[in-house]
PDB file of N, CA and C in Angstrom:
ATOM      1  N   MET A   1     100.311 -70.823-156.410  1.00  0.00           N
ATOM      2  CA  MET A   1     100.107 -69.613-154.945  1.00  0.00           C
ATOM      3  C   MET A   1      99.425 -68.834-155.527  1.00  0.00           C
ATOM      4  N   PRO A   2      98.390 -68.127-154.794  1.00  0.00           N
ATOM      5  CA  PRO A   2      97.976 -67.473-154.819  1.00  0.00           C
ATOM      6  C   PRO A   2      98.485 -65.825-154.908  1.00  0.00           C
ATOM      7  N   ALA A   3      97.945 -64.909-155.525  1.00  0.00           N
ATOM      8  CA  ALA A   3      99.167 -63.679-155.035  1.00  0.00           C
ATOM      9  C   ALA A   3      98.714 -62.648-154.329  1.00  0.00           C
ATOM     10  N   LYS A   4      99.515 -62.095-153.288  1.00  0.00           N
ATOM     11  CA  LYS A   4      99.302 -61.456-152.684  1.00  0.00           C
ATOM     12  C   LYS A   4      98.471 -59.951-152.942  1.00  0.00           C
ATOM     13  N   ARG A   5      96.849 -59.540-151.757  1.00  0.00           N
ATOM     14  CA  ARG A   5      95.943 -58.499-152.473  1.00  0.00           C
ATOM     15  C   ARG A   5      96.634 -57.289-151.176  1.00  0.00           C
ATOM     16  N   ARG A   6      97.721 -56.389-152.167  1.00  0.00           N
ATOM     17  CA  ARG A   6      97.794 -55.342-151.222  1.00  0.00           C
ATOM     18  C   ARG A   6      96.693 -54.438-150.276  1.00  0.00           C
ATOM     19  N   VAL A   7      96.672 -54.738-148.742  1.00  0.00           N
ATOM     20  CA  VAL A   7      95.536 -53.830-148.218  1.00  0.00           C
ATOM     21  C   VAL A   7      96.193 -52.324-148.178  1.00  0.00           C
ATOM     22  N   ALA A   8      95.067 -51.469-148.362  1.00  0.00           N
ATOM     23  CA  ALA A   8      96.149 -49.600-148.155  1.00  0.00           C
ATOM     24  C   ALA A   8      95.471 -49.288-146.894  1.00  0.00           C
ATOM     25  N   ARG A   9      96.425 -48.660-146.028  1.00  0.00           N
ATOM     26  CA  ARG A   9      96.373 -48.364-145.031  1.00  0.00           C
ATOM     27  C   ARG A   9      95.658 -47.161-144.939  1.00  0.00           C
ATOM     28  N   PRO A  10      95.326 -46.709-143.601  1.00  0.00           N
ATOM     29  CA  PRO A  10      94.302 -45.651-143.820  1.00  0.00           C
ATOM     30  C   PRO A  10      95.153 -44.435-144.545  1.00  0.00           C
ATOM     31  N   GLU A  11      96.855 -44.245-143.952  1.00  0.00           N
ATOM     32  CA  GLU A  11      97.160 -43.517-144.154  1.00  0.00           C
ATOM     33  C   GLU A  11      97.359 -43.074-145.349  1.00  0.00           C
ATOM     34  N   GLU A  12      96.740 -44.613-146.233  1.00  0.00           N
ATOM     35  CA  GLU A  12      97.094 -44.554-147.963  1.00  0.00           C
ATOM     36  C   GLU A  12      95.691 -43.889-148.734  1.00  0.00           C
ATOM     37  N   ASP A  13      94.756 -44.104-148.167  1.00  0.00           N
ATOM     38  CA  ASP A  13      93.458 -43.849-148.615  1.00  0.00           C
ATOM     39  C   ASP A  13      93.128 -42.719-148.293  1.00  0.00           C
ATOM     40  N   GLN A  14      93.355 -42.333-150.284  1.00  0.00           N
ATOM     41  CA  GLN A  14      92.883 -40.785-150.724  1.00  0.00           C
ATOM     42  C   GLN A  14      91.404 -40.478-149.931  1.00  0.00           C
ATOM     43  N   ALA A  15      90.288 -41.200-149.525  1.00  0.00           N
ATOM     44  CA  ALA A  15      89.150 -41.001-149.604  1.00  0.00           C
ATOM     45  C   ALA A  15      88.675 -40.094-147.609  1.00  0.00           C
ATOM     46  N   ASP A  16      89.690 -41.047-147.420  1.00  0.00           N
ATOM     47  CA  ASP A  16      90.134 -40.174-145.874  1.00  0.00           C
ATOM     48  C   ASP A  16      91.053 -39.600-145.332  1.00  0.00           C
ATOM     49  N   ARG A  17      92.273 -39.177-146.338  1.00  0.00           N
ATOM     50  CA  ARG A  17      92.851 -38.327-146.146  1.00  0.00           C
ATOM     51  C   ARG A  17      92.164 -36.837-145.476  1.00  0.00           C
ATOM     52  N   PRO A  18      92.872 -36.178-145.054  1.00  0.00           N
ATOM     53  CA  PRO A  18      92.447 -35.067-144.478  1.00  0.00           C
ATOM     54  C   PRO A  18      92.495 -33.804-145.612  1.00  0.00           C
ATOM     55  N   ILE A  19      91.719 -33.336-145.954  1.00  0.00           N
ATOM     56  CA  ILE A  19      91.407 -32.110-147.187  1.00  0.00           C
ATOM     57  C   ILE A  19      92.376 -30.910-146.779  1.00  0.00           C
ATOM     58  N   ARG A  20      93.480 -31.128-147.459  1.00  0.00           N
ATOM     59  CA  ARG A  20      94.161 -29.283-146.555  1.00  0.00           C
ATOM     60  C   ARG A  20      93.524 -27.902-147.519  1.00  0.00           C
ATOM     61  N   ARG A  21      93.659 -27.497-146.970  1.00  0.00           N
ATOM     62  CA  ARG A  21      92.759 -26.000-147.419  1.00  0.00           C
ATOM     63  C   ARG A  21      93.143 -25.844-148.549  1.00  0.00           C
ATOM     64  N   ARG A  22      94.059 -25.856-149.138  1.00  0.00           N
ATOM     65  CA  ARG A  22      94.904 -25.530-150.541  1.00  0.00           C
ATOM     66  C   ARG A  22      93.895 -26.351-151.784  1.00  0.00           C
ATOM     67  N   ASP A  23      93.780 -27.167-151.218  1.00  0.00           N
ATOM     68  CA  ASP A  23      92.901 -28.694-151.979  1.00  0.00           C
ATOM     69  C   ASP A  23      91.642 -28.164-152.415  1.00  0.00           C
ATOM     70  N   ARG A  24      90.846 -27.240-151.562  1.00  0.00           N
ATOM     71  CA  ARG A  24      90.005 -27.056-151.882  1.00  0.00           C
ATOM     72  C   ARG A  24      89.686 -25.653-152.560  1.00  0.00           C
ATOM     73  N   GLU A  25      90.947 -25.033-151.909  1.00  0.00           N
ATOM     74  CA  GLU A  25      90.608 -23.379-152.543  1.00  0.00           C
ATOM     75  C   GLU A  25      90.626 -22.738-154.411  1.00  0.00           C
ATOM     76  N   LEU A  26      89.344 -22.490-154.935  1.00  0.00           N
ATOM     77  CA  LEU A  26      89.534 -22.394-156.177  1.00  0.00           C
ATOM     78  C   LEU A  26      90.851 -21.519-156.903  1.00  0.00           C
ATOM     79  N   THR A  27      90.569 -21.567-158.455  1.00  0.00           N
ATOM     80  CA  THR A  27      91.253 -21.141-159.000  1.00  0.00           C
ATOM     81  C   THR A  27      90.305 -20.111-159.703  1.00  0.00           C
ATOM     82  N   ALA A  28      90.857 -19.179-160.968  1.00  0.00           N
ATOM     83  CA  ALA A  28      89.569 -18.355-161.277  1.00  0.00           C
ATOM     84  C   ALA A  28      89.092 -19.114-162.441  1.00  0.00           C
ATOM     85  N   ALA A  29      90.157 -20.311-162.786  1.00  0.00           N
ATOM     86  CA  ALA A  29      88.573 -20.611-164.154  1.00  0.00           C
ATOM     87  C   ALA A  29      88.009 -21.970-162.786  1.00  0.00           C
ATOM     88  N   THR A  30      88.354 -21.812-161.628  1.00  0.00           N
ATOM     89  CA  THR A  30      86.996 -22.788-161.253  1.00  0.00           C
ATOM     90  C   THR A  30      85.667 -22.069-160.269  1.00  0.00           C
ATOM     91  N   ALA A  31      86.580 -20.644-160.313  1.00  0.00           N
ATOM     92  CA  ALA A  31      85.610 -19.745-159.605  1.00  0.00           C
ATOM     93  C   ALA A  31      84.407 -19.404-160.802  1.00  0.00           C
ATOM     94  N   SER A  32      85.152 -19.193-161.887  1.00  0.00           N
ATOM     95  CA  SER A  32      83.783 -18.747-163.260  1.00  0.00           C
ATOM     96  C   SER A  32      83.283 -19.994-163.334  1.00  0.00           C
ATOM     97  N   GLU A  33      83.570 -21.197-163.428  1.00  0.00           N
ATOM     98  CA  GLU A  33      82.383 -22.336-163.807  1.00  0.00           C
ATOM     99  C   GLU A  33      81.317 -22.676-162.312  1.00  0.00           C
ATOM    100  N   VAL A  34      82.027 -21.974-161.178  1.00  0.00           N
ATOM    101  CA  VAL A  34      81.352 -22.416-159.775  1.00  0.00           C
ATOM    102  C   VAL A  34      80.407 -21.023-159.827  1.00  0.00           C
ATOM    103  N   GLY A  35      80.450 -19.664-159.919  1.00  0.00           N
ATOM    104  CA  GLY A  35      79.744 -19.086-160.012  1.00  0.00           C
ATOM    105  C   GLY A  35      78.888 -18.590-161.538  1.00  0.00           C
ATOM    106  N   LEU A  36      79.134 -19.026-162.227  1.00  0.00           N
ATOM    107  CA  LEU A  36      78.239 -19.082-163.319  1.00  0.00           C
ATOM    108  C   LEU A  36      76.868 -20.511-162.821  1.00  0.00           C
ATOM    109  N   ARG A  37      77.519 -21.627-162.913  1.00  0.00           N
ATOM    110  CA  ARG A  37      76.167 -22.587-161.980  1.00  0.00           C
ATOM    111  C   ARG A  37      75.238 -21.937-160.864  1.00  0.00           C
ATOM    112  N   HIS A  38      76.332 -21.167-159.709  1.00  0.00           N
ATOM    113  CA  HIS A  38      75.402 -21.330-158.778  1.00  0.00           C
ATOM    114  C   HIS A  38      74.260 -19.942-159.641  1.00  0.00           C
ATOM    115  N   ILE A  39      74.500 -18.964-160.300  1.00  0.00           N
ATOM    116  CA  ILE A  39      73.447 -18.155-160.848  1.00  0.00           C
ATOM    117  C   ILE A  39      72.550 -18.794-161.601  1.00  0.00           C
ATOM    118  N   VAL A  40      73.189 -19.694-162.446  1.00  0.00           N
ATOM    119  CA  VAL A  40      72.322 -20.063-163.644  1.00  0.00           C
ATOM    120  C   VAL A  40      71.402 -21.090-162.328  1.00  0.00           C
ATOM    121  N   ASP A  41      71.321 -21.453-161.812  1.00  0.00           N
ATOM    122  CA  ASP A  41      70.473 -22.304-160.463  1.00  0.00           C
ATOM    123  C   ASP A  41      69.628 -21.600-159.529  1.00  0.00           C
ATOM    124  N   LEU A  42      70.147 -20.175-159.498  1.00  0.00           N
ATOM    125  CA  LEU A  42      69.176 -19.383-158.903  1.00  0.00           C
ATOM    126  C   LEU A  42      68.030 -18.464-159.942  1.00  0.00           C
ATOM    127  N   THR A  43      68.529 -18.343-160.910  1.00  0.00           N
ATOM    128  CA  THR A  43      67.815 -17.193-161.507  1.00  0.00           C
ATOM    129  C   THR A  43      67.259 -17.682-162.836  1.00  0.00           C
ATOM    130  N   SER A  44      67.103 -19.110-162.927  1.00  0.00           N
ATOM    131  CA  SER A  44      66.714 -20.064-164.096  1.00  0.00           C
ATOM    132  C   SER A  44      66.731 -19.683-164.820  1.00  0.00           C
ATOM    133  N   ARG A  45      67.520 -19.089-165.671  1.00  0.00           N
ATOM    134  CA  ARG A  45      68.337 -18.002-167.077  1.00  0.00           C
ATOM    135  C   ARG A  45      69.266 -18.318-167.191  1.00  0.00           C
ATOM    136  N   GLU A  46      69.197 -18.295-168.484  1.00  0.00           N
ATOM    137  CA  GLU A  46      70.356 -19.024-169.431  1.00  0.00           C
ATOM    138  C   GLU A  46      71.376 -17.565-169.646  1.00  0.00           C
ATOM    139  N   ALA A  47      73.013 -18.562-169.434  1.00  0.00           N
ATOM    140  CA  ALA A  47      73.487 -17.251-169.231  1.00  0.00           C
ATOM    141  C   ALA A  47      74.750 -17.291-170.445  1.00  0.00           C
ATOM    142  N   GLU A  48      74.841 -15.599-170.794  1.00  0.00           N
ATOM    143  CA  GLU A  48      75.144 -15.704-171.759  1.00  0.00           C
ATOM    144  C   GLU A  48      76.957 -15.638-171.759  1.00  0.00           C
ATOM    145  N   SER A  49      77.485 -15.208-170.887  1.00  0.00           N
ATOM    146  CA  SER A  49      79.105 -15.281-170.524  1.00  0.00           C
ATOM    147  C   SER A  49      79.160 -14.736-168.610  1.00  0.00           C
ATOM    148  N   VAL A  50      80.452 -15.044-168.786  1.00  0.00           N
ATOM    149  CA  VAL A  50      81.415 -14.990-167.771  1.00  0.00           C
ATOM    150  C   VAL A  50      81.906 -13.117-167.594  1.00  0.00           C
ATOM    151  N   THR A  51      81.658 -12.026-167.462  1.00  0.00           N
ATOM    152  CA  THR A  51      82.094 -11.147-167.466  1.00  0.00           C
ATOM    153  C   THR A  51      83.438 -10.775-166.677  1.00  0.00           C
ATOM    154  N   LEU A  52      83.381 -11.253-165.665  1.00  0.00           N
ATOM    155  CA  LEU A  52      84.086 -10.557-164.384  1.00  0.00           C
ATOM    156  C   LEU A  52      84.392 -11.778-163.354  1.00  0.00           C
ATOM    157  N   VAL A  53      85.813 -12.028-163.335  1.00  0.00           N
ATOM    158  CA  VAL A  53      86.389 -12.957-162.057  1.00  0.00           C
ATOM    159  C   VAL A  53      87.566 -12.255-161.620  1.00  0.00           C
ATOM    160  N   GLU A  54      87.418 -12.099-159.917  1.00  0.00           N
ATOM    161  CA  GLU A  54      88.159 -11.295-159.316  1.00  0.00           C
ATOM    162  C   GLU A  54      87.873 -11.992-158.363  1.00  0.00           C
ATOM    163  N   PRO A  55      89.745 -11.662-158.020  1.00  0.00           N
ATOM    164  CA  PRO A  55      90.011 -12.846-156.247  1.00  0.00           C
ATOM    165  C   PRO A  55      89.729 -11.305-155.192  1.00  0.00           C
ATOM    166  N   VAL A  56      89.262 -11.972-154.354  1.00  0.00           N
ATOM    167  CA  VAL A  56      88.997 -10.726-152.853  1.00  0.00           C
ATOM    168  C   VAL A  56      89.538 -11.258-151.500  1.00  0.00           C
ATOM    169  N   GLU A  57      89.481 -10.902-150.763  1.00  0.00           N
ATOM    170  CA  GLU A  57      90.357 -11.341-149.518  1.00  0.00           C
ATOM    171  C   GLU A  57      89.356 -12.574-148.787  1.00  0.00           C
ATOM    172  N   ASP A  58      88.708 -12.473-149.019  1.00  0.00           N
ATOM    173  CA  ASP A  58      88.277 -14.253-148.581  1.00  0.00           C
ATOM    174  C   ASP A  58      87.809 -14.868-149.573  1.00  0.00           C
ATOM    175  N   GLY A  59      87.932 -14.469-150.896  1.00  0.00           N
ATOM    176  CA  GLY A  59      86.977 -15.798-151.753  1.00  0.00           C
ATOM    177  C   GLY A  59      87.081 -14.513-153.054  1.00  0.00           C
ATOM    178  N   TRP A  60      86.218 -15.226-154.218  1.00  0.00           N
ATOM    179  CA  TRP A  60      85.484 -14.427-155.278  1.00  0.00           C
ATOM    180  C   TRP A  60      84.687 -13.933-155.480  1.00  0.00           C
ATOM    181  N   VAL A  61      84.802 -12.808-156.342  1.00  0.00           N
ATOM    182  CA  VAL A  61      83.370 -12.166-157.083  1.00  0.00           C
ATOM    183  C   VAL A  61      83.568 -12.709-158.588  1.00  0.00           C
ATOM    184  N   VAL A  62      82.444 -13.252-159.209  1.00  0.00           N
ATOM    185  CA  VAL A  62      82.594 -13.188-160.323  1.00  0.00           C
ATOM    186  C   VAL A  62      80.648 -12.643-161.223  1.00  0.00           C
ATOM    187  N   VAL A  63      81.086 -12.106-162.000  1.00  0.00           N
ATOM    188  CA  VAL A  63      79.666 -11.821-162.619  1.00  0.00           C
ATOM    189  C   VAL A  63      79.409 -12.461-163.618  1.00  0.00           C
ATOM    190  N   VAL A  64      78.395 -12.328-163.936  1.00  0.00           N
ATOM    191  CA  VAL A  64      77.876 -13.287-165.148  1.00  0.00           C
ATOM    192  C   VAL A  64      76.625 -12.732-165.867  1.00  0.00           C
ATOM    193  N   GLU A  65      77.175 -12.684-167.181  1.00  0.00           N
ATOM    194  CA  GLU A  65      75.843 -11.426-167.791  1.00  0.00           C
ATOM    195  C   GLU A  65      74.746 -13.100-167.904  1.00  0.00           C
ATOM    196  N   VAL A  66      73.122 -12.671-168.271  1.00  0.00           N
ATOM    197  CA  VAL A  66      72.157 -13.518-168.101  1.00  0.00           C
ATOM    198  C   VAL A  66      71.025 -13.116-169.167  1.00  0.00           C
ATOM    199  N   VAL A  67      70.153 -13.574-170.596  1.00  0.00           N
ATOM    200  CA  VAL A  67      69.365 -13.759-170.686  1.00  0.00           C
ATOM    201  C   VAL A  67      67.992 -13.646-170.137  1.00  0.00           C
ATOM    202  N   GLU A  68      67.581 -12.370-170.066  1.00  0.00           N
ATOM    203  CA  GLU A  68      66.261 -12.564-169.379  1.00  0.00           C
ATOM    204  C   GLU A  68      65.073 -12.642-169.649  1.00  0.00           C
ATOM    205  N   ASP A  69      65.373 -11.924-170.843  1.00  0.00           N
ATOM    206  CA  ASP A  69      63.628 -11.929-171.499  1.00  0.00           C
ATOM    207  C   ASP A  69      64.496 -12.023-173.372  1.00  0.00           C
ATOM    208  N   ARG A  70      63.809 -13.131-174.076  1.00  0.00           N
ATOM    209  CA  ARG A  70      64.214 -13.367-175.591  1.00  0.00           C
ATOM    210  C   ARG A  70      63.495 -12.551-176.270  1.00  0.00           C
ATOM    211  N   ARG A  71      64.412 -11.825-177.136  1.00  0.00           N
ATOM    212  CA  ARG A  71      62.747 -11.025-178.352  1.00  0.00           C
ATOM    213  C   ARG A  71      63.643 -11.242-179.227  1.00  0.00           C
ATOM    214  N   ILE A  72      62.332 -10.866-180.486  1.00  0.00           N
ATOM    215  CA  ILE A  72      63.140 -11.171-181.865  1.00  0.00           C
ATOM    216  C   ILE A  72      62.999 -10.044-182.831  1.00  0.00           C
ATOM    217  N   PRO A  73      64.340  -9.428-183.002  1.00  0.00           N
ATOM    218  CA  PRO A  73      64.711  -9.913-183.297  1.00  0.00           C
ATOM    219  C   PRO A  73      66.286 -10.293-181.659  1.00  0.00           C
ATOM    220  N   SER A  74      66.970 -11.018-181.932  1.00  0.00           N
ATOM    221  CA  SER A  74      67.704 -10.756-180.785  1.00  0.00           C
ATOM    222  C   SER A  74      68.389  -9.626-180.025  1.00  0.00           C
ATOM    223  N   SER A  75      68.658  -8.393-181.073  1.00  0.00           N
ATOM    224  CA  SER A  75      68.931  -7.584-181.297  1.00  0.00           C
ATOM    225  C   SER A  75      67.941  -6.735-179.931  1.00  0.00           C
ATOM    226  N   GLY A  76      66.867  -7.217-179.367  1.00  0.00           N
ATOM    227  CA  GLY A  76      65.966  -6.910-178.767  1.00  0.00           C
ATOM    228  C   GLY A  76      66.028  -7.183-177.642  1.00  0.00           C
ATOM    229  N   ASP A  77      66.177  -8.433-177.106  1.00  0.00           N
ATOM    230  CA  ASP A  77      66.854  -9.156-176.052  1.00  0.00           C
ATOM    231  C   ASP A  77      67.348  -8.240-174.521  1.00  0.00           C
ATOM    232  N   ILE A  78      66.844  -8.969-173.487  1.00  0.00           N
ATOM    233  CA  ILE A  78      66.727  -7.948-172.241  1.00  0.00           C
ATOM    234  C   ILE A  78      67.451  -8.593-171.454  1.00  0.00           C
ATOM    235  N   LEU A  79      69.063  -7.934-171.400  1.00  0.00           N
ATOM    236  CA  LEU A  79      70.266  -9.232-170.731  1.00  0.00           C
ATOM    237  C   LEU A  79      70.107  -8.691-168.755  1.00  0.00           C
ATOM    238  N   ALA A  80      71.087  -9.398-168.271  1.00  0.00           N
ATOM    239  CA  ALA A  80      71.299  -8.572-166.976  1.00  0.00           C
ATOM    240  C   ALA A  80      72.052  -9.195-166.312  1.00  0.00           C
ATOM    241  N   LEU A  81      73.397  -8.324-165.924  1.00  0.00           N
ATOM    242  CA  LEU A  81      74.472  -8.966-165.143  1.00  0.00           C
ATOM    243  C   LEU A  81      74.144  -9.155-163.538  1.00  0.00           C
ATOM    244  N   TYR A  82      74.248 -10.553-163.413  1.00  0.00           N
ATOM    245  CA  TYR A  82      74.539 -10.460-161.738  1.00  0.00           C
ATOM    246  C   TYR A  82      75.938 -10.873-161.107  1.00  0.00           C
ATOM    247  N   GLU A  83      76.127 -10.767-160.157  1.00  0.00           N
ATOM    248  CA  GLU A  83      77.518 -10.685-159.259  1.00  0.00           C
ATOM    249  C   GLU A  83      77.393 -11.479-157.939  1.00  0.00           C
ATOM    250  N   ALA A  84      77.550 -12.527-158.197  1.00  0.00           N
ATOM    251  CA  ALA A  84      77.893 -13.555-156.974  1.00  0.00           C
ATOM    252  C   ALA A  84      79.619 -14.035-156.373  1.00  0.00           C
ATOM    253  N   ASP A  85      79.152 -13.658-154.789  1.00  0.00           N
ATOM    254  CA  ASP A  85      80.284 -13.508-154.137  1.00  0.00           C
ATOM    255  C   ASP A  85      80.040 -14.836-153.640  1.00  0.00           C
ATOM    256  N   LEU A  86      81.379 -15.440-153.665  1.00  0.00           N
ATOM    257  CA  LEU A  86      82.075 -17.199-153.269  1.00  0.00           C
ATOM    258  C   LEU A  86      83.172 -16.711-152.789  1.00  0.00           C
ATOM    259  N   ASP A  87      82.686 -17.890-151.169  1.00  0.00           N
ATOM    260  CA  ASP A  87      84.477 -18.021-150.256  1.00  0.00           C
ATOM    261  C   ASP A  87      85.462 -18.791-151.689  1.00  0.00           C
ATOM    262  N   LEU A  88      85.964 -18.702-150.752  1.00  0.00           N
ATOM    263  CA  LEU A  88      87.636 -19.781-151.094  1.00  0.00           C
ATOM    264  C   LEU A  88      87.420 -20.983-151.471  1.00  0.00           C
ATOM    265  N   GLU A  89      86.232 -21.783-151.494  1.00  0.00           N
ATOM    266  CA  GLU A  89      85.656 -22.983-151.547  1.00  0.00           C
ATOM    267  C   GLU A  89      84.672 -22.783-152.284  1.00  0.00           C
ATOM    268  N   GLY A  90      84.419 -21.832-152.849  1.00  0.00           N
ATOM    269  CA  GLY A  90      83.485 -22.098-154.043  1.00  0.00           C
ATOM    270  C   GLY A  90      81.819 -21.978-153.534  1.00  0.00           C
ATOM    271  N   ASN A  91      81.445 -21.872-151.995  1.00  0.00           N
ATOM    272  CA  ASN A  91      80.164 -22.104-151.989  1.00  0.00           C
ATOM    273  C   ASN A  91      79.570 -20.726-151.887  1.00  0.00           C
ATOM    274  N   LEU A  92      78.230 -20.185-152.187  1.00  0.00           N
ATOM    275  CA  LEU A  92      77.697 -19.080-152.115  1.00  0.00           C
ATOM    276  C   LEU A  92      77.408 -18.007-151.462  1.00  0.00           C
ATOM    277  N   LEU A  93      78.042 -16.965-151.210  1.00  0.00           N
ATOM    278  CA  LEU A  93      77.668 -16.316-150.013  1.00  0.00           C
ATOM    279  C   LEU A  93      76.460 -15.074-150.052  1.00  0.00           C
ATOM    280  N   ALA A  94      76.810 -14.535-151.624  1.00  0.00           N
ATOM    281  CA  ALA A  94      75.635 -14.038-151.480  1.00  0.00           C
ATOM    282  C   ALA A  94      75.503 -13.567-153.030  1.00  0.00           C
ATOM    283  N   TYR A  95      74.941 -13.051-153.504  1.00  0.00           N
ATOM    284  CA  TYR A  95      74.717 -13.020-155.185  1.00  0.00           C
ATOM    285  C   TYR A  95      73.553 -11.525-155.288  1.00  0.00           C
ATOM    286  N   ARG A  96      73.407 -10.856-155.952  1.00  0.00           N
ATOM    287  CA  ARG A  96      72.498  -9.649-156.268  1.00  0.00           C
ATOM    288  C   ARG A  96      72.645  -9.220-158.095  1.00  0.00           C
ATOM    289  N   ARG A  97      71.896  -8.712-158.666  1.00  0.00           N
ATOM    290  CA  ARG A  97      71.991  -8.334-159.673  1.00  0.00           C
ATOM    291  C   ARG A  97      72.193  -6.825-160.046  1.00  0.00           C
ATOM    292  N   LYS A  98      73.245  -6.667-161.345  1.00  0.00           N
ATOM    293  CA  LYS A  98      73.285  -5.717-160.687  1.00  0.00           C
ATOM    294  C   LYS A  98      72.595  -4.645-161.753  1.00  0.00           C
ATOM    295  N   GLY A  99      72.053  -4.994-162.693  1.00  0.00           N
ATOM    296  CA  GLY A  99      71.530  -3.940-163.557  1.00  0.00           C
ATOM    297  C   GLY A  99      70.679  -4.588-165.308  1.00  0.00           C
ATOM    298  N   ARG A 100      69.981  -4.038-165.414  1.00  0.00           N
ATOM    299  CA  ARG A 100      69.603  -5.104-166.580  1.00  0.00           C
ATOM    300  C   ARG A 100      69.804  -3.687-168.201  1.00  0.00           C
ATOM    301  N   TYR A 101      69.367  -4.100-168.994  1.00  0.00           N
ATOM    302  CA  TYR A 101      69.930  -3.687-170.298  1.00  0.00           C
ATOM    303  C   TYR A 101      70.042  -4.144-171.502  1.00  0.00           C
ATOM    304  N   ARG A 102      69.136  -3.534-172.783  1.00  0.00           N
ATOM    305  CA  ARG A 102      68.850  -3.935-173.877  1.00  0.00           C
ATOM    306  C   ARG A 102      70.466  -4.626-174.480  1.00  0.00           C
ATOM    307  N   ARG A 103      70.382  -6.003-174.997  1.00  0.00           N
ATOM    308  CA  ARG A 103      71.520  -6.239-176.015  1.00  0.00           C
ATOM    309  C   ARG A 103      72.060  -5.363-177.216  1.00  0.00           C
ATOM    310  N   GLY A 104      73.134  -5.009-176.601  1.00  0.00           N
ATOM    311  CA  GLY A 104      73.927  -3.879-178.045  1.00  0.00           C
ATOM    312  C   GLY A 104      73.704  -2.464-177.408  1.00  0.00           C
ATOM    313  N   SER A 105      73.428  -2.201-176.963  1.00  0.00           N
ATOM    314  CA  SER A 105      72.441  -0.855-176.002  1.00  0.00           C
ATOM    315  C   SER A 105      73.960  -0.075-175.556  1.00  0.00           C
ATOM    316  N   GLY A 106      74.922  -0.552-175.453  1.00  0.00           N
ATOM    317  CA  GLY A 106      76.432  -0.535-175.089  1.00  0.00           C
ATOM    318  C   GLY A 106      76.093   0.317-173.767  1.00  0.00           C
ATOM    319  N   ASP A 107      75.179   0.177-172.717  1.00  0.00           N
ATOM    320  CA  ASP A 107      74.874   0.943-171.532  1.00  0.00           C
ATOM    321  C   ASP A 107      74.458  -0.525-170.667  1.00  0.00           C
ATOM    322  N   ASN A 108      76.169  -0.749-170.362  1.00  0.00           N
ATOM    323  CA  ASN A 108      76.256  -1.295-169.266  1.00  0.00           C
ATOM    324  C   ASN A 108      76.427  -1.180-167.901  1.00  0.00           C
ATOM    325  N   PRO A 109      75.208  -1.758-167.096  1.00  0.00           N
ATOM    326  CA  PRO A 109      75.464  -0.983-165.770  1.00  0.00           C
ATOM    327  C   PRO A 109      76.471  -1.307-164.480  1.00  0.00           C
ATOM    328  N   TYR A 110      76.745  -2.173-165.405  1.00  0.00           N
ATOM    329  CA  TYR A 110      78.584  -2.393-164.391  1.00  0.00           C
ATOM    330  C   TYR A 110      79.540  -1.658-164.119  1.00  0.00           C
ATOM    331  N   GLU A 111      79.985  -1.049-165.483  1.00  0.00           N
ATOM    332  CA  GLU A 111      81.162  -0.536-166.051  1.00  0.00           C
ATOM    333  C   GLU A 111      81.234   0.852-165.128  1.00  0.00           C
ATOM    334  N   GLY A 112      82.049   1.160-164.931  1.00  0.00           N
ATOM    335  CA  GLY A 112      82.034   2.579-163.707  1.00  0.00           C
ATOM    336  C   GLY A 112      81.527   2.355-162.123  1.00  0.00           C
ATOM    337  N   SER A 113      81.244   1.333-161.841  1.00  0.00           N
ATOM    338  CA  SER A 113      80.531   0.851-160.429  1.00  0.00           C
ATOM    339  C   SER A 113      81.849   0.382-159.381  1.00  0.00           C
TER     340      SER A 113
END
């Protein structure tokens, strides 16, 4: 006698279940990854690091340090900070370059703003 195959009912099918808002909301770690990916895609530049991840009323602010111009020696590299505004689901709402500076100069344009 062949084994009975269990047929999933619609309410059991994970793909068809309604997505609750909480399922789509980001954590700080995932907001960081998503923000970094958006900035890299938009600028076509290499990211150095995520320097800020901050929750805001309707989403997240992520700041990414990007290498804009490689120099030899690397202490001459030109870096920039980009800020990405994400909604609660990780969609990019806006981005902007906050400033440029030479690596190791200590002139971080994001400090104090």
